[in-house]
Amino acid sequence: VGTGCYLAGTIALTPHPTATDVLVLLEQLLQPWQPLELVTPGLSYHAEAGFPSALDEAFCRPAFGLVRLDNALAHLSHQVRRMVCDHLRATCNFGLAKNPKTRAFIEQAFRKLNVDIHRFPSTTGSHPADPLREPARLQKEPPYVSLRALEEAVSILLVEHNHRPLANQGAVTPMEQMHYQ
């Protein structure tokens, strides 16, 4: 059911994710979500933020009927197919090549991350007058964002999305829609 709820998230550390990266992500669907211990100053989770797998025992874990993936080599691996079919008890749908419209929710998540994470404070900024641009006294050093800070920021963005009302869902949050379904 299209709730707009994000179920999990992970960061692949290579230009092209591997089957192992996909398996790590799928494994998160089966484990209760635990928030990261935030160490980056200024970052914090909203009190009720989380993925559906963090809900209490009264919440029935979602059943997966269809898992939509693109035709990336990592998705076509035998291990990923076994995980989806045997462990999630779902069907793999690889869709048409170069046709992202069939995976609108996934593409929407990528767009959201691109807009919100694209320019951190202390980086080059989007243009020369950008207030996020690194101060002139530090410009000799390359911009630096630690992997930990990036992981924390992505985690916060994904879980807080689940508790923000969406216009296309009738001003209901994705988590409320999950509870309703």
C-alpha atoms as a PDB file:
ATOM      1  CA  VAL A   1       0.000   0.000   0.000  1.00  0.00           C
ATOM      2  CA  GLY A   2       1.407   3.374  -0.957  1.00  0.00           C
ATOM      3  CA  THR A   3       1.730   5.141   2.408  1.00  0.00           C
ATOM      4  CA  GLY A   4       4.819   7.177   1.617  1.00  0.00           C
ATOM      5  CA  CYS A   5       6.437   5.726   4.751  1.00  0.00           C
ATOM      6  CA  TYR A   6      10.169   5.070   4.635  1.00  0.00           C
ATOM      7  CA  LEU A   7      10.925   1.622   6.055  1.00  0.00           C
ATOM      8  CA  ALA A   8      14.723   1.691   6.244  1.00  0.00           C
ATOM      9  CA  GLY A   9      17.811   3.409   4.913  1.00  0.00           C
ATOM     10  CA  THR A  10      21.498   2.731   4.469  1.00  0.00           C
ATOM     11  CA  ILE A  11      24.508   4.337   2.824  1.00  0.00           C
ATOM     12  CA  ALA A  12      26.576   2.466   0.239  1.00  0.00           C
ATOM     13  CA  LEU A  13      30.221   3.488   0.337  1.00  0.00           C
ATOM     14  CA  THR A  14      30.921   2.731  -3.308  1.00  0.00           C
ATOM     15  CA  PRO A  15      29.746   4.423  -6.516  1.00  0.00           C
ATOM     16  CA  HIS A  16      27.728   1.316  -7.372  1.00  0.00           C
ATOM     17  CA  PRO A  17      25.983  -0.513  -4.496  1.00  0.00           C
ATOM     18  CA  THR A  18      26.707  -4.207  -4.224  1.00  0.00           C
ATOM     19  CA  ALA A  19      24.361  -7.084  -3.440  1.00  0.00           C
ATOM     20  CA  THR A  20      25.686  -6.949   0.135  1.00  0.00           C
ATOM     21  CA  ASP A  21      24.560  -3.316   0.437  1.00  0.00           C
ATOM     22  CA  VAL A  22      21.081  -4.293  -0.745  1.00  0.00           C
ATOM     23  CA  LEU A  23      20.980  -7.249   1.669  1.00  0.00           C
ATOM     24  CA  VAL A  24      21.951  -4.959   4.583  1.00  0.00           C
ATOM     25  CA  LEU A  25      19.053  -2.686   3.661  1.00  0.00           C
ATOM     26  CA  LEU A  26      16.570  -5.561   3.345  1.00  0.00           C
ATOM     27  CA  GLU A  27      17.731  -7.022   6.663  1.00  0.00           C
ATOM     28  CA  GLN A  28      16.748  -3.747   8.336  1.00  0.00           C
ATOM     29  CA  LEU A  29      13.137  -4.473   7.398  1.00  0.00           C
ATOM     30  CA  LEU A  30      13.211  -7.562   9.633  1.00  0.00           C
ATOM     31  CA  GLN A  31      14.930  -6.041  12.680  1.00  0.00           C
ATOM     32  CA  PRO A  32      13.492  -3.528  15.185  1.00  0.00           C
ATOM     33  CA  TRP A  33      14.876  -0.068  14.401  1.00  0.00           C
ATOM     34  CA  GLN A  34      17.201   1.484  16.929  1.00  0.00           C
ATOM     35  CA  PRO A  35      18.070   5.171  16.595  1.00  0.00           C
ATOM     36  CA  LEU A  36      21.704   6.065  16.053  1.00  0.00           C
ATOM     37  CA  GLU A  37      23.527   7.564  18.989  1.00  0.00           C
ATOM     38  CA  LEU A  38      23.900  11.111  17.678  1.00  0.00           C
ATOM     39  CA  VAL A  39      27.306  12.689  18.248  1.00  0.00           C
ATOM     40  CA  THR A  40      27.172  15.530  15.701  1.00  0.00           C
ATOM     41  CA  PRO A  41      26.366  18.850  17.374  1.00  0.00           C
ATOM     42  CA  GLY A  42      22.994  20.305  16.411  1.00  0.00           C
ATOM     43  CA  LEU A  43      21.420  17.035  15.284  1.00  0.00           C
ATOM     44  CA  SER A  44      18.619  15.356  17.219  1.00  0.00           C
ATOM     45  CA  TYR A  45      15.678  13.087  16.574  1.00  0.00           C
ATOM     46  CA  HIS A  46      12.148  14.340  17.072  1.00  0.00           C
ATOM     47  CA  ALA A  47      10.579  12.592  20.070  1.00  0.00           C
ATOM     48  CA  GLU A  48       8.311  10.332  18.012  1.00  0.00           C
ATOM     49  CA  ALA A  49      10.545   9.912  14.944  1.00  0.00           C
ATOM     50  CA  GLY A  50      11.309   6.420  13.718  1.00  0.00           C
ATOM     51  CA  PHE A  51      10.804   3.702  11.169  1.00  0.00           C
ATOM     52  CA  PRO A  52       7.767   1.397  11.468  1.00  0.00           C
ATOM     53  CA  SER A  53       9.967  -1.441  12.764  1.00  0.00           C
ATOM     54  CA  ALA A  54      10.457   0.567  15.991  1.00  0.00           C
ATOM     55  CA  LEU A  55       6.771   0.440  16.907  1.00  0.00           C
ATOM     56  CA  ASP A  56       5.569  -1.649  19.830  1.00  0.00           C
ATOM     57  CA  GLU A  57       4.280  -5.222  19.769  1.00  0.00           C
ATOM     58  CA  ALA A  58       0.721  -4.044  18.999  1.00  0.00           C
ATOM     59  CA  PHE A  59       1.872  -3.011  15.513  1.00  0.00           C
ATOM     60  CA  CYS A  60       1.730  -5.897  13.092  1.00  0.00           C
ATOM     61  CA  ARG A  61       4.914  -5.968  11.018  1.00  0.00           C
ATOM     62  CA  PRO A  62       4.091  -5.190   7.404  1.00  0.00           C
ATOM     63  CA  ALA A  63       3.819  -8.039   4.947  1.00  0.00           C
ATOM     64  CA  PHE A  64       5.522  -7.513   1.626  1.00  0.00           C
ATOM     65  CA  GLY A  65       3.728  -8.685  -1.478  1.00  0.00           C
ATOM     66  CA  LEU A  66       5.836  -6.908  -4.060  1.00  0.00           C
ATOM     67  CA  VAL A  67       9.299  -5.389  -3.815  1.00  0.00           C
ATOM     68  CA  ARG A  68      10.078  -2.994  -6.664  1.00  0.00           C
ATOM     69  CA  LEU A  69      13.700  -2.716  -7.705  1.00  0.00           C
ATOM     70  CA  ASP A  70      15.433  -1.371 -10.773  1.00  0.00           C
ATOM     71  CA  ASN A  71      17.652  -3.471 -13.014  1.00  0.00           C
ATOM     72  CA  ALA A  72      20.911  -2.707 -11.211  1.00  0.00           C
ATOM     73  CA  LEU A  73      23.289  -5.665 -11.089  1.00  0.00           C
ATOM     74  CA  ALA A  74      23.138  -5.684  -7.277  1.00  0.00           C
ATOM     75  CA  HIS A  75      19.359  -6.180  -7.400  1.00  0.00           C
ATOM     76  CA  LEU A  76      19.575  -9.001  -9.930  1.00  0.00           C
ATOM     77  CA  SER A  77      21.838 -11.151  -7.744  1.00  0.00           C
ATOM     78  CA  HIS A  78      20.652 -14.546  -6.597  1.00  0.00           C
ATOM     79  CA  GLN A  79      21.192 -13.573  -2.940  1.00  0.00           C
ATOM     80  CA  VAL A  80      18.904 -10.537  -3.196  1.00  0.00           C
ATOM     81  CA  ARG A  81      16.210 -12.552  -4.976  1.00  0.00           C
ATOM     82  CA  ARG A  82      16.390 -15.241  -2.273  1.00  0.00           C
ATOM     83  CA  MET A  83      16.137 -12.633   0.493  1.00  0.00           C
ATOM     84  CA  VAL A  84      13.066 -11.023  -1.090  1.00  0.00           C
ATOM     85  CA  CYS A  85      11.337 -14.271  -2.028  1.00  0.00           C
ATOM     86  CA  ASP A  86      12.284 -16.585   0.860  1.00  0.00           C
ATOM     87  CA  HIS A  87      12.638 -14.240   3.845  1.00  0.00           C
ATOM     88  CA  LEU A  88      10.270 -11.398   2.982  1.00  0.00           C
ATOM     89  CA  ARG A  89       7.847 -13.794   1.202  1.00  0.00           C
ATOM     90  CA  ALA A  90       7.468 -11.246  -1.594  1.00  0.00           C
ATOM     91  CA  THR A  91       7.795 -11.076  -5.346  1.00  0.00           C
ATOM     92  CA  CYS A  92      10.597  -9.131  -7.043  1.00  0.00           C
ATOM     93  CA  ASN A  93       9.471  -6.636  -9.654  1.00  0.00           C
ATOM     94  CA  PHE A  94      12.391  -5.226 -11.618  1.00  0.00           C
ATOM     95  CA  GLY A  95      10.337  -2.921 -13.805  1.00  0.00           C
ATOM     96  CA  LEU A  96      11.338  -1.622 -17.179  1.00  0.00           C
ATOM     97  CA  ALA A  97      14.898  -0.456 -17.687  1.00  0.00           C
ATOM     98  CA  LYS A  98      15.358   3.343 -17.524  1.00  0.00           C
ATOM     99  CA  ASN A  99      11.732   3.862 -16.436  1.00  0.00           C
ATOM    100  CA  PRO A 100      11.816   5.435 -12.953  1.00  0.00           C
ATOM    101  CA  LYS A 101       8.123   6.411 -13.015  1.00  0.00           C
ATOM    102  CA  THR A 102       7.154   2.938 -11.818  1.00  0.00           C
ATOM    103  CA  ARG A 103       9.266   3.524  -8.694  1.00  0.00           C
ATOM    104  CA  ALA A 104       7.936   6.993  -7.867  1.00  0.00           C
ATOM    105  CA  PHE A 105       8.264   6.658  -4.079  1.00  0.00           C
ATOM    106  CA  ILE A 106      11.912   5.592  -4.367  1.00  0.00           C
ATOM    107  CA  GLU A 107      12.747   8.407  -6.766  1.00  0.00           C
ATOM    108  CA  GLN A 108      10.947  10.845  -4.430  1.00  0.00           C
ATOM    109  CA  ALA A 109      13.163   9.702  -1.546  1.00  0.00           C
ATOM    110  CA  PHE A 110      16.301  10.252  -3.640  1.00  0.00           C
ATOM    111  CA  ARG A 111      15.085  13.749  -4.598  1.00  0.00           C
ATOM    112  CA  LYS A 112      14.377  14.563  -0.946  1.00  0.00           C
ATOM    113  CA  LEU A 113      17.851  13.476   0.133  1.00  0.00           C
ATOM    114  CA  ASN A 114      19.451  15.359  -2.752  1.00  0.00           C
ATOM    115  CA  VAL A 115      17.713  18.607  -1.766  1.00  0.00           C
ATOM    116  CA  ASP A 116      18.210  18.310   2.000  1.00  0.00           C
ATOM    117  CA  ILE A 117      21.707  16.804   2.127  1.00  0.00           C
ATOM    118  CA  HIS A 118      23.250  18.268  -1.033  1.00  0.00           C
ATOM    119  CA  ARG A 119      24.818  21.258   0.698  1.00  0.00           C
ATOM    120  CA  PHE A 120      25.886  21.020   4.332  1.00  0.00           C
ATOM    121  CA  PRO A 121      27.121  24.070   6.219  1.00  0.00           C
ATOM    122  CA  SER A 122      30.897  24.455   5.830  1.00  0.00           C
ATOM    123  CA  THR A 123      31.023  23.150   2.274  1.00  0.00           C
ATOM    124  CA  THR A 124      31.364  24.991  -1.016  1.00  0.00           C
ATOM    125  CA  GLY A 125      27.719  26.085  -1.083  1.00  0.00           C
ATOM    126  CA  SER A 126      25.474  26.275  -4.121  1.00  0.00           C
ATOM    127  CA  HIS A 127      26.802  29.641  -5.366  1.00  0.00           C
ATOM    128  CA  PRO A 128      29.503  32.194  -4.402  1.00  0.00           C
ATOM    129  CA  ALA A 129      27.200  34.211  -2.101  1.00  0.00           C
ATOM    130  CA  ASP A 130      25.637  31.167  -0.416  1.00  0.00           C
ATOM    131  CA  PRO A 131      25.555  31.709   3.388  1.00  0.00           C
ATOM    132  CA  LEU A 132      26.458  28.016   3.824  1.00  0.00           C
ATOM    133  CA  ARG A 133      29.704  28.594   1.955  1.00  0.00           C
ATOM    134  CA  GLU A 134      32.870  27.958   3.896  1.00  0.00           C
ATOM    135  CA  PRO A 135      34.444  31.100   5.427  1.00  0.00           C
ATOM    136  CA  ALA A 136      37.330  32.645   3.468  1.00  0.00           C
ATOM    137  CA  ARG A 137      39.848  31.942   6.260  1.00  0.00           C
ATOM    138  CA  LEU A 138      39.227  28.177   5.888  1.00  0.00           C
ATOM    139  CA  GLN A 139      39.045  27.966   2.089  1.00  0.00           C
ATOM    140  CA  LYS A 140      42.562  26.569   1.745  1.00  0.00           C
ATOM    141  CA  GLU A 141      41.397  23.311   3.311  1.00  0.00           C
ATOM    142  CA  PRO A 142      38.979  21.075   1.409  1.00  0.00           C
ATOM    143  CA  PRO A 143      35.435  20.907   2.813  1.00  0.00           C
ATOM    144  CA  TYR A 144      34.987  18.100   5.305  1.00  0.00           C
ATOM    145  CA  VAL A 145      31.888  16.232   6.411  1.00  0.00           C
ATOM    146  CA  SER A 146      32.508  13.047   8.337  1.00  0.00           C
ATOM    147  CA  LEU A 147      30.811   9.828   7.327  1.00  0.00           C
ATOM    148  CA  ARG A 148      29.254   9.677  10.785  1.00  0.00           C
ATOM    149  CA  ALA A 149      27.677  13.138  10.374  1.00  0.00           C
ATOM    150  CA  LEU A 150      26.328  12.135   6.962  1.00  0.00           C
ATOM    151  CA  GLU A 151      24.840   8.898   8.347  1.00  0.00           C
ATOM    152  CA  GLU A 152      23.212  10.764  11.210  1.00  0.00           C
ATOM    153  CA  ALA A 153      21.762  13.458   8.925  1.00  0.00           C
ATOM    154  CA  VAL A 154      20.333  10.870   6.499  1.00  0.00           C
ATOM    155  CA  SER A 155      18.832   8.873   9.369  1.00  0.00           C
ATOM    156  CA  ILE A 156      17.164  11.949  10.848  1.00  0.00           C
ATOM    157  CA  LEU A 157      15.755  13.052   7.479  1.00  0.00           C
ATOM    158  CA  LEU A 158      14.302   9.629   6.701  1.00  0.00           C
ATOM    159  CA  VAL A 159      12.680   8.960  10.072  1.00  0.00           C
ATOM    160  CA  GLU A 160      11.308  12.477  10.475  1.00  0.00           C
ATOM    161  CA  HIS A 161       9.692  12.241   7.038  1.00  0.00           C
ATOM    162  CA  ASN A 162       7.505   9.481   8.481  1.00  0.00           C
ATOM    163  CA  HIS A 163       5.989  11.927  10.983  1.00  0.00           C
ATOM    164  CA  ARG A 164       5.390  14.872   8.670  1.00  0.00           C
ATOM    165  CA  PRO A 165       1.867  15.202   7.152  1.00  0.00           C
ATOM    166  CA  LEU A 166       1.849  14.710   3.378  1.00  0.00           C
ATOM    167  CA  ALA A 167      -0.518  16.586   1.095  1.00  0.00           C
ATOM    168  CA  ASN A 168      -0.883  13.603  -1.249  1.00  0.00           C
ATOM    169  CA  GLN A 169      -1.996  11.481   1.733  1.00  0.00           C
ATOM    170  CA  GLY A 170      -4.749  13.860   2.845  1.00  0.00           C
ATOM    171  CA  ALA A 171      -2.553  15.696   5.395  1.00  0.00           C
ATOM    172  CA  VAL A 172      -1.935  12.422   7.248  1.00  0.00           C
ATOM    173  CA  THR A 173       1.566  11.371   8.265  1.00  0.00           C
ATOM    174  CA  PRO A 174       3.024   8.252   6.653  1.00  0.00           C
ATOM    175  CA  MET A 175       3.150   6.528  10.065  1.00  0.00           C
ATOM    176  CA  GLU A 176      -0.536   7.291  10.694  1.00  0.00           C
ATOM    177  CA  GLN A 177      -1.296   5.858   7.265  1.00  0.00           C
ATOM    178  CA  MET A 178       0.711   2.717   8.183  1.00  0.00           C
ATOM    179  CA  HIS A 179      -1.338   2.352  11.389  1.00  0.00           C
ATOM    180  CA  TYR A 180      -4.561   2.795   9.422  1.00  0.00           C
ATOM    181  CA  GLN A 181      -3.581   0.198   6.831  1.00  0.00           C
END
